[in-house]
Amino acid sequence: MKILSTITIILFSFSFSISLAQTGWYIIPGVSNETINDLNQGPGNFYWLAGNSGLIKRSSDAGKSWSELITGTSKNLKKLFQPTSNQIWAAGDSGTVILSLNSGTDWDLISPVTSANFNSIFSRGSGVAYVVGDSGSCYYTENLGSTWSTRTVPTNENLHDGIGPVSGTSLIALVGGNNGVIFKTTDAGLNWVSIASGTSENINVFGIGPGLLFAAGDNGTMIKTSDAGDSWSSVSVPTSDDLFSVDASKQNSNWIIASGTNGTIIKSTDAGTSWFLQATPTTENLYCVYAASNSVHFAGGNNGILLKTTDGGGDPVSVDNDLSNPISFNLEQNYPNPFNPSTTINFSISEASNVSLKVFNSLGEEVETLVANKLIAGNYKYDWNAEGLPSGIYFYQIKTSRFAKTKKMMLLK
């Protein structure tokens, strides 16, 4: 009897630990109420986030807990970067630039003399930085911000991001912004050349892939270059949402993620050739993503939302190969049905919509959220795996602002 009780306790403990495992994207609660604008992990052991009202936090336990740092500013911070383990820069509104030389313990205000809102800060090495922002503003320092030089970019458009170095030389940099503008310098910003981007949409961010550079922006814009920004080509993505962040896995740069409005996250596992949507538990705008590895990713955005995944973000919500426009909203019967343990759910939406697709048990209790994204018009499928759930009747329900439908399915083990 004692042996049986011991076995029962062991089995119960095993089942309990399995039930707590989180799959896909999930929310890390209680991090902040301020909007998170950037996420990063530079040299060293810390993860970093920056946001509104002077927010900077760091984590030493892979994002499980975060410590707030005293930055000395209440300005919204838009971007940070860390060229060395001790050196961290951040830039934001009203010409704000702050710098820490001791891993975030102390911060100094090292701003150029300007009131322009800065949207990005990037480096070409330790002690060297560009800041770019509204109305074409661009400044440059080579001495840890002790002095700044104006680097005149020939535009009045707001510049949202920059990147450097590229193409193996520390003097090259790119900046991009509103109305599709991209400029390139080969002499550390003394001269800039306008580059045809092929789009008039706002460019919000640059991201590096394997031998490639991506730029993403409004209305699902994604473009790429393989020649250090001299020429750009369009990339097809499964969303029309504005995109704000692109990042490649530090384990395998062929794996790339991007985030945007309405909780949108898209992913590629083939160096950006094809992309698929992932389900997220939020409709908040996600302004930043960070891919620590193929499996561990973070995303942050409005109202302090911070998401994490440890399995690469879970199963894709993938668009059918049939590109014909659907004429109506529809939810089809799953197949196979009955199933064990996987089944496919097809649905169609005739216009861009915020879509919710959920599974419920026979008691009406929610089992899983499969989709919570804004999707463009199209035919979609979701491959759902019910492993770990008991046999029985389940219901799946789709909802948009103009359409709702529920269907029944049977899991038979």
Protein backbone atom coordinates (compact mmCIF):
# COMPACT_ATOMS: atom_id res chain seq x y z
CA MET A 1 0.00 0.00 0.00
CA LYS A 2 2.86 2.35 0.84
CA ILE A 3 4.52 1.60 -2.50
CA LEU A 4 1.26 2.34 -4.35
CA SER A 5 0.87 5.68 -2.54
CA THR A 6 4.41 6.66 -3.47
CA ILE A 7 3.79 5.84 -7.12
CA THR A 8 0.54 7.83 -7.07
CA ILE A 9 2.32 10.87 -5.64
CA ILE A 10 5.06 10.65 -8.27
CA LEU A 11 2.54 10.35 -11.09
CA PHE A 12 0.52 13.26 -9.73
CA SER A 13 3.61 15.45 -9.55
CA PHE A 14 4.53 14.57 -13.13
CA SER A 15 1.04 15.38 -14.42
CA PHE A 16 0.97 18.65 -12.52
CA SER A 17 4.27 19.83 -13.98
CA ILE A 18 3.13 18.98 -17.50
CA SER A 19 -0.12 20.93 -17.07
CA LEU A 20 1.82 24.06 -16.17
CA ALA A 21 3.92 24.01 -19.34
CA GLN A 22 3.14 27.03 -21.53
CA THR A 23 3.10 26.76 -25.26
CA GLY A 24 3.09 29.46 -27.91
CA TRP A 25 3.22 33.11 -26.92
CA TYR A 26 2.21 33.98 -23.35
CA ILE A 27 2.10 37.16 -21.26
CA ILE A 28 4.70 37.90 -18.58
CA PRO A 29 2.49 39.81 -16.13
CA GLY A 30 3.36 42.81 -13.98
CA VAL A 31 6.42 44.07 -15.84
CA SER A 32 5.23 47.66 -16.38
CA ASN A 33 2.25 49.84 -17.21
CA GLU A 34 4.39 51.95 -19.53
CA THR A 35 4.61 51.22 -23.25
CA ILE A 36 7.66 49.11 -24.09
CA ASN A 37 9.43 50.40 -27.20
CA ASP A 38 12.56 48.26 -27.40
CA LEU A 39 13.97 44.90 -26.26
CA ASN A 40 17.54 43.74 -26.51
CA GLN A 41 20.32 41.55 -25.18
CA GLY A 42 23.82 42.78 -25.78
CA PRO A 43 27.13 41.35 -24.56
CA GLY A 44 26.81 40.03 -21.02
CA ASN A 45 24.03 38.25 -19.19
CA PHE A 46 21.32 40.92 -19.11
CA TYR A 47 18.16 41.33 -21.16
CA TRP A 48 17.06 44.96 -21.52
CA LEU A 49 13.84 46.81 -22.24
CA ALA A 50 13.17 50.52 -22.74
CA GLY A 51 9.92 52.43 -22.83
CA ASN A 52 7.91 55.51 -22.07
CA SER A 53 8.48 57.82 -19.09
CA GLY A 54 12.20 57.02 -18.91
CA LEU A 55 11.61 53.30 -18.42
CA ILE A 56 14.60 50.96 -18.56
CA LYS A 57 14.53 47.52 -16.96
CA ARG A 58 16.96 44.63 -17.04
CA SER A 59 16.64 40.91 -16.39
CA SER A 60 19.31 38.42 -15.38
CA ASP A 61 17.03 35.35 -15.47
CA ALA A 62 15.94 35.20 -19.12
CA GLY A 63 13.02 37.57 -18.62
CA LYS A 64 11.33 35.90 -15.65
CA SER A 65 11.85 38.97 -13.46
CA TRP A 66 12.81 42.55 -14.25
CA SER A 67 14.52 45.25 -12.18
CA GLU A 68 13.77 48.92 -12.87
CA LEU A 69 16.75 51.24 -13.18
CA ILE A 70 16.92 54.91 -12.24
CA THR A 71 17.65 56.64 -15.55
CA GLY A 72 17.30 60.28 -14.50
CA THR A 73 14.79 61.09 -17.26
CA SER A 74 11.03 60.97 -17.64
CA LYS A 75 11.15 61.24 -21.44
CA ASN A 76 9.86 58.41 -23.62
CA LEU A 77 12.81 56.20 -24.60
CA LYS A 78 12.46 54.70 -28.08
CA LYS A 79 15.63 52.69 -28.67
CA LEU A 80 18.62 51.24 -26.84
CA PHE A 81 21.77 49.41 -27.83
CA GLN A 82 24.68 47.81 -26.02
CA PRO A 83 28.01 47.66 -27.86
CA THR A 84 29.93 46.29 -24.82
CA SER A 85 28.92 44.51 -21.61
CA ASN A 86 29.18 47.73 -19.58
CA GLN A 87 28.19 50.34 -22.19
CA ILE A 88 24.45 50.93 -22.81
CA TRP A 89 22.92 53.81 -24.75
CA ALA A 90 19.27 54.89 -25.01
CA ALA A 91 17.55 57.68 -26.96
CA GLY A 92 14.08 59.17 -27.03
CA ASP A 93 11.85 62.22 -27.09
CA SER A 94 12.96 65.86 -26.82
CA GLY A 95 16.51 65.13 -27.92
CA THR A 96 17.19 62.75 -25.04
CA VAL A 97 20.26 60.51 -25.08
CA ILE A 98 21.45 58.71 -21.94
CA LEU A 99 24.50 56.50 -21.42
CA SER A 100 25.59 54.02 -18.76
CA LEU A 101 29.17 52.80 -18.47
CA ASN A 102 28.51 50.34 -15.63
CA SER A 103 25.78 48.01 -16.93
CA GLY A 104 22.91 50.33 -16.08
CA THR A 105 23.72 51.17 -12.47
CA ASP A 106 24.33 54.85 -13.26
CA TRP A 107 23.18 56.94 -16.21
CA ASP A 108 24.40 60.23 -17.64
CA LEU A 109 22.44 62.60 -19.85
CA ILE A 110 24.62 63.21 -22.94
CA SER A 111 22.08 64.78 -25.32
CA PRO A 112 22.94 66.85 -28.37
CA VAL A 113 21.59 70.40 -28.27
CA THR A 114 18.23 69.80 -29.94
CA SER A 115 14.56 69.36 -29.05
CA ALA A 116 13.91 66.90 -31.88
CA ASN A 117 12.34 63.60 -30.90
CA PHE A 118 14.82 60.78 -31.45
CA ASN A 119 13.44 57.47 -32.71
CA SER A 120 16.61 55.38 -32.95
CA ILE A 121 20.19 55.15 -31.77
CA PHE A 122 22.75 52.83 -33.31
CA SER A 123 26.48 52.31 -33.29
CA ARG A 124 29.47 51.50 -35.43
CA GLY A 125 31.58 50.54 -32.41
CA SER A 126 32.29 51.25 -28.76
CA GLY A 127 31.98 54.94 -27.94
CA VAL A 128 30.53 55.75 -31.38
CA ALA A 129 26.85 56.41 -32.06
CA TYR A 130 24.31 57.93 -34.42
CA VAL A 131 20.94 59.22 -33.27
CA VAL A 132 18.16 59.90 -35.76
CA GLY A 133 14.67 61.32 -35.39
CA ASP A 134 11.97 63.66 -36.55
CA SER A 135 12.37 66.10 -39.44
CA GLY A 136 15.47 64.35 -40.74
CA SER A 137 17.51 64.99 -37.60
CA CYS A 138 20.78 63.04 -37.34
CA TYR A 139 23.69 63.48 -34.92
CA TYR A 140 26.98 61.63 -34.53
CA THR A 141 29.56 61.17 -31.77
CA GLU A 142 32.90 59.37 -31.55
CA ASN A 143 33.68 60.17 -27.88
CA LEU A 144 30.87 58.65 -25.80
CA GLY A 145 28.63 61.64 -26.38
CA SER A 146 30.98 64.29 -25.00
CA THR A 147 30.51 66.17 -28.28
CA TRP A 148 28.05 65.67 -31.12
CA SER A 149 28.26 66.63 -34.77
CA THR A 150 25.26 67.30 -36.98
CA ARG A 151 25.07 64.84 -39.84
CA THR A 152 22.75 66.47 -42.36
CA VAL A 153 20.46 63.97 -44.07
CA PRO A 154 18.84 65.67 -47.12
CA THR A 155 15.22 65.22 -46.01
CA ASN A 156 12.58 66.72 -43.74
CA GLU A 157 10.88 63.35 -43.30
CA ASN A 158 10.82 61.77 -39.87
CA LEU A 159 13.55 59.13 -39.62
CA HIS A 160 12.47 56.07 -37.63
CA ASP A 161 15.53 53.83 -37.64
CA GLY A 162 19.10 53.38 -38.75
CA ILE A 163 21.60 50.59 -38.92
CA GLY A 164 25.35 50.24 -39.18
CA PRO A 165 27.82 48.90 -39.87
CA VAL A 166 26.90 46.84 -42.92
CA SER A 167 28.90 45.25 -45.77
CA GLY A 168 31.98 44.71 -43.62
CA THR A 169 32.96 48.36 -43.15
CA SER A 170 32.40 50.55 -40.13
CA LEU A 171 31.78 53.72 -42.18
CA ILE A 172 28.58 52.57 -43.91
CA ALA A 173 25.17 53.29 -42.39
CA LEU A 174 21.55 53.42 -43.52
CA VAL A 175 18.61 55.44 -42.22
CA GLY A 176 14.94 55.18 -43.17
CA GLY A 177 11.65 56.88 -42.43
CA ASN A 178 8.38 58.33 -43.61
CA ASN A 179 7.18 57.94 -47.19
CA GLY A 180 9.67 55.16 -47.90
CA VAL A 181 12.83 57.27 -47.67
CA ILE A 182 16.15 55.45 -47.31
CA PHE A 183 19.54 57.17 -47.25
CA LYS A 184 23.00 55.62 -47.25
CA THR A 185 26.38 56.96 -46.17
CA THR A 186 29.83 55.50 -46.78
CA ASP A 187 31.75 58.14 -44.82
CA ALA A 188 30.20 58.07 -41.32
CA GLY A 189 27.38 60.43 -42.21
CA LEU A 190 29.30 63.28 -43.83
CA ASN A 191 27.42 62.61 -47.07
CA TRP A 192 24.16 60.77 -47.71
CA VAL A 193 22.73 59.33 -50.93
CA SER A 194 19.02 58.75 -51.47
CA ILE A 195 18.21 55.11 -52.25
CA ALA A 196 15.06 53.98 -54.10
CA SER A 197 13.17 51.73 -51.68
CA GLY A 198 10.34 50.85 -54.04
CA THR A 199 7.69 51.89 -51.52
CA SER A 200 6.00 55.09 -50.35
CA GLU A 201 4.95 53.53 -47.05
CA ASN A 202 6.62 54.67 -43.85
CA ILE A 203 9.70 52.60 -43.02
CA ASN A 204 9.79 51.93 -39.28
CA VAL A 205 12.68 49.54 -38.72
CA PHE A 206 15.69 47.72 -40.16
CA GLY A 207 16.63 44.15 -39.27
CA ILE A 208 19.52 41.88 -40.24
CA GLY A 209 19.09 38.41 -41.76
CA PRO A 210 21.59 35.91 -43.23
CA GLY A 211 23.50 38.05 -45.74
CA LEU A 212 20.40 40.21 -46.02
CA LEU A 213 18.99 43.40 -44.61
CA PHE A 214 15.25 43.85 -44.11
CA ALA A 215 13.19 47.01 -43.72
CA ALA A 216 9.61 46.91 -42.48
CA GLY A 217 6.90 49.52 -42.22
CA ASP A 218 3.28 50.53 -42.47
CA ASN A 219 0.51 48.45 -44.05
CA GLY A 220 2.50 45.23 -43.99
CA THR A 221 5.46 46.63 -45.90
CA MET A 222 8.55 44.44 -46.01
CA ILE A 223 11.52 44.93 -48.33
CA LYS A 224 14.99 43.39 -48.43
CA THR A 225 18.46 44.02 -49.83
CA SER A 226 21.49 41.81 -50.38
CA ASP A 227 23.88 44.56 -51.52
CA ALA A 228 24.21 46.75 -48.41
CA GLY A 229 21.13 48.78 -49.27
CA ASP A 230 21.89 49.80 -52.86
CA SER A 231 18.81 48.01 -54.23
CA TRP A 232 15.64 46.73 -52.58
CA SER A 233 12.98 44.18 -53.48
CA SER A 234 9.52 43.59 -52.05
CA VAL A 235 8.78 40.71 -49.65
CA SER A 236 5.29 39.21 -49.39
CA VAL A 237 3.97 38.90 -45.82
CA PRO A 238 0.58 37.65 -44.54
CA THR A 239 -0.54 40.88 -42.88
CA SER A 240 -1.55 44.44 -43.70
CA ASP A 241 -0.80 45.65 -40.17
CA ASP A 242 1.92 48.23 -39.58
CA LEU A 243 5.20 46.50 -38.72
CA PHE A 244 7.52 48.04 -36.14
CA SER A 245 10.26 45.51 -35.40
CA VAL A 246 12.26 42.76 -37.13
CA ASP A 247 14.82 40.47 -35.53
CA ALA A 248 16.71 37.32 -36.51
CA SER A 249 17.41 34.42 -34.16
CA LYS A 250 20.84 34.56 -32.55
CA GLN A 251 20.99 30.78 -32.99
CA ASN A 252 20.07 30.60 -36.69
CA SER A 253 19.63 33.83 -38.64
CA ASN A 254 17.35 32.10 -41.15
CA TRP A 255 14.67 32.29 -38.43
CA ILE A 256 13.25 35.82 -38.40
CA ILE A 257 10.31 37.38 -36.53
CA ALA A 258 8.51 40.70 -36.93
CA SER A 259 5.81 42.44 -34.89
CA GLY A 260 3.23 45.16 -35.40
CA THR A 261 -0.18 46.55 -34.59
CA ASN A 262 -3.05 44.53 -33.10
CA GLY A 263 -0.75 41.94 -31.52
CA THR A 264 0.57 40.83 -34.90
CA ILE A 265 3.62 38.56 -35.00
CA ILE A 266 4.86 36.99 -38.22
CA LYS A 267 7.73 34.56 -38.61
CA SER A 268 9.99 33.12 -41.30
CA THR A 269 12.18 30.03 -41.01
CA ASP A 270 13.69 30.30 -44.50
CA ALA A 271 15.55 33.64 -44.36
CA GLY A 272 12.48 35.71 -45.17
CA THR A 273 11.40 33.91 -48.34
CA SER A 274 8.05 32.94 -46.83
CA TRP A 275 6.26 34.15 -43.71
CA PHE A 276 3.41 32.91 -41.52
CA LEU A 277 1.27 34.42 -38.78
CA GLN A 278 1.47 33.27 -35.18
CA ALA A 279 -1.32 33.42 -32.62
CA THR A 280 -0.71 35.85 -29.75
CA PRO A 281 -2.76 36.47 -26.59
CA THR A 282 -3.09 40.23 -27.17
CA THR A 283 -4.37 42.88 -29.55
CA GLU A 284 -2.01 45.54 -28.17
CA ASN A 285 0.45 47.09 -30.62
CA LEU A 286 3.80 45.31 -30.38
CA TYR A 287 6.65 47.74 -31.02
CA CYS A 288 9.60 45.42 -30.47
CA VAL A 289 10.67 41.79 -30.78
CA TYR A 290 13.84 40.00 -29.77
CA ALA A 291 14.78 36.47 -30.86
CA ALA A 292 17.30 35.11 -28.37
CA SER A 293 17.29 31.70 -30.07
CA ASN A 294 15.13 29.61 -32.39
CA SER A 295 12.79 28.88 -29.48
CA VAL A 296 13.06 31.82 -27.06
CA HIS A 297 11.54 35.08 -28.31
CA PHE A 298 10.20 38.23 -26.61
CA ALA A 299 7.79 40.93 -27.80
CA GLY A 300 6.74 44.17 -26.09
CA GLY A 301 4.38 47.05 -26.71
CA ASN A 302 1.48 49.19 -25.54
CA ASN A 303 0.53 49.42 -21.87
CA GLY A 304 3.54 47.40 -20.75
CA ILE A 305 2.55 44.22 -22.58
CA LEU A 306 5.46 41.77 -22.60
CA LEU A 307 5.18 38.41 -24.35
CA LYS A 308 7.53 35.45 -24.31
CA THR A 309 7.68 32.09 -26.03
CA THR A 310 9.98 29.16 -25.34
CA ASP A 311 8.85 27.01 -28.28
CA GLY A 312 9.34 29.45 -31.14
CA GLY A 313 5.81 30.84 -30.90
CA GLY A 314 3.83 27.67 -31.47
CA ASP A 315 2.02 26.46 -34.56
CA PRO A 316 1.59 28.86 -37.49
CA VAL A 317 -1.67 30.32 -38.70
CA SER A 318 -0.93 29.75 -42.37
CA VAL A 319 -2.63 31.11 -45.47
CA ASP A 320 -3.81 28.61 -48.08
CA ASN A 321 -2.04 28.57 -51.41
CA ASP A 322 -5.32 29.61 -53.04
CA LEU A 323 -4.87 33.37 -53.41
CA SER A 324 -8.35 34.06 -54.77
CA ASN A 325 -10.30 36.58 -52.71
CA PRO A 326 -13.07 34.97 -50.64
CA ILE A 327 -16.52 36.42 -51.25
CA SER A 328 -17.79 35.83 -47.71
CA PHE A 329 -16.86 35.00 -44.15
CA ASN A 330 -16.91 31.27 -43.49
CA LEU A 331 -15.91 28.64 -40.95
CA GLU A 332 -15.60 25.10 -42.31
CA GLN A 333 -15.97 21.76 -40.57
CA ASN A 334 -12.67 20.52 -39.22
CA TYR A 335 -11.00 17.50 -40.78
CA PRO A 336 -10.46 14.77 -39.93
CA ASN A 337 -13.41 14.50 -37.57
CA PRO A 338 -13.33 12.57 -35.27
CA PHE A 339 -9.58 13.15 -34.83
CA ASN A 340 -6.63 12.05 -32.71
CA PRO A 341 -4.80 14.18 -31.77
CA SER A 342 -4.53 16.71 -34.66
CA THR A 343 -7.11 18.31 -36.91
CA THR A 344 -7.26 21.16 -39.42
CA ILE A 345 -9.65 24.12 -39.20
CA ASN A 346 -10.23 26.20 -42.34
CA PHE A 347 -11.83 29.63 -42.34
CA SER A 348 -12.22 32.56 -44.74
CA ILE A 349 -12.55 36.29 -44.22
CA SER A 350 -13.63 38.64 -47.01
CA GLU A 351 -12.04 41.79 -45.58
CA ALA A 352 -9.27 42.73 -43.15
CA SER A 353 -10.60 41.95 -39.69
CA ASN A 354 -9.61 41.33 -36.09
CA VAL A 355 -10.13 37.58 -35.84
CA SER A 356 -10.59 35.41 -32.76
CA LEU A 357 -10.60 31.60 -33.08
CA LYS A 358 -11.07 29.68 -29.83
CA VAL A 359 -11.71 26.12 -28.66
CA PHE A 360 -14.14 25.26 -25.84
CA ASN A 361 -14.95 22.02 -24.03
CA SER A 362 -18.45 20.58 -23.58
CA LEU A 363 -18.91 22.67 -20.39
CA GLY A 364 -18.33 25.88 -22.30
CA GLU A 365 -14.91 26.44 -20.74
CA GLU A 366 -12.25 27.95 -22.97
CA VAL A 367 -9.52 25.42 -23.76
CA GLU A 368 -7.22 27.37 -26.07
CA THR A 369 -7.02 30.56 -28.13
CA LEU A 370 -5.81 29.62 -31.58
CA VAL A 371 -5.93 33.01 -33.30
CA ALA A 372 -6.09 36.56 -31.92
CA ASN A 373 -4.80 38.69 -34.78
CA LYS A 374 -5.81 41.18 -37.41
CA LEU A 375 -5.78 39.23 -40.67
CA ILE A 376 -6.02 40.39 -44.27
CA ALA A 377 -8.76 39.00 -46.53
CA GLY A 378 -7.95 35.43 -47.44
CA ASN A 379 -8.42 31.71 -46.90
CA TYR A 380 -6.73 30.42 -43.74
CA LYS A 381 -6.08 27.15 -42.02
CA TYR A 382 -5.02 26.25 -38.51
CA ASP A 383 -3.59 22.86 -37.59
CA TRP A 384 -4.63 22.20 -34.00
CA ASN A 385 -2.99 19.56 -31.82
CA ALA A 386 -5.14 18.37 -28.89
CA GLU A 387 -2.50 16.15 -27.35
CA GLY A 388 -2.90 16.19 -23.58
CA LEU A 389 -6.67 16.73 -23.70
CA PRO A 390 -9.20 13.99 -22.90
CA SER A 391 -11.54 12.44 -25.45
CA GLY A 392 -14.84 14.21 -25.87
CA ILE A 393 -16.88 16.83 -27.67
CA TYR A 394 -15.23 20.20 -28.29
CA PHE A 395 -16.45 23.38 -29.97
CA TYR A 396 -14.46 25.86 -32.04
CA GLN A 397 -15.70 29.40 -32.54
CA ILE A 398 -14.64 32.22 -34.84
CA LYS A 399 -15.52 35.86 -34.17
CA THR A 400 -14.95 39.09 -36.08
CA SER A 401 -16.76 42.41 -35.84
CA ARG A 402 -19.17 41.22 -38.56
CA PHE A 403 -19.24 37.45 -38.24
CA ALA A 404 -19.48 34.71 -35.60
CA LYS A 405 -19.88 30.97 -36.00
CA THR A 406 -19.40 27.86 -33.87
CA LYS A 407 -18.89 24.23 -34.93
CA LYS A 408 -18.58 20.94 -33.08
CA MET A 409 -15.75 18.40 -33.30
CA MET A 410 -14.89 15.13 -31.57
CA LEU A 411 -11.56 14.08 -30.08
CA LEU A 412 -11.48 10.28 -29.99
CA LYS A 413 -8.48 8.57 -28.40
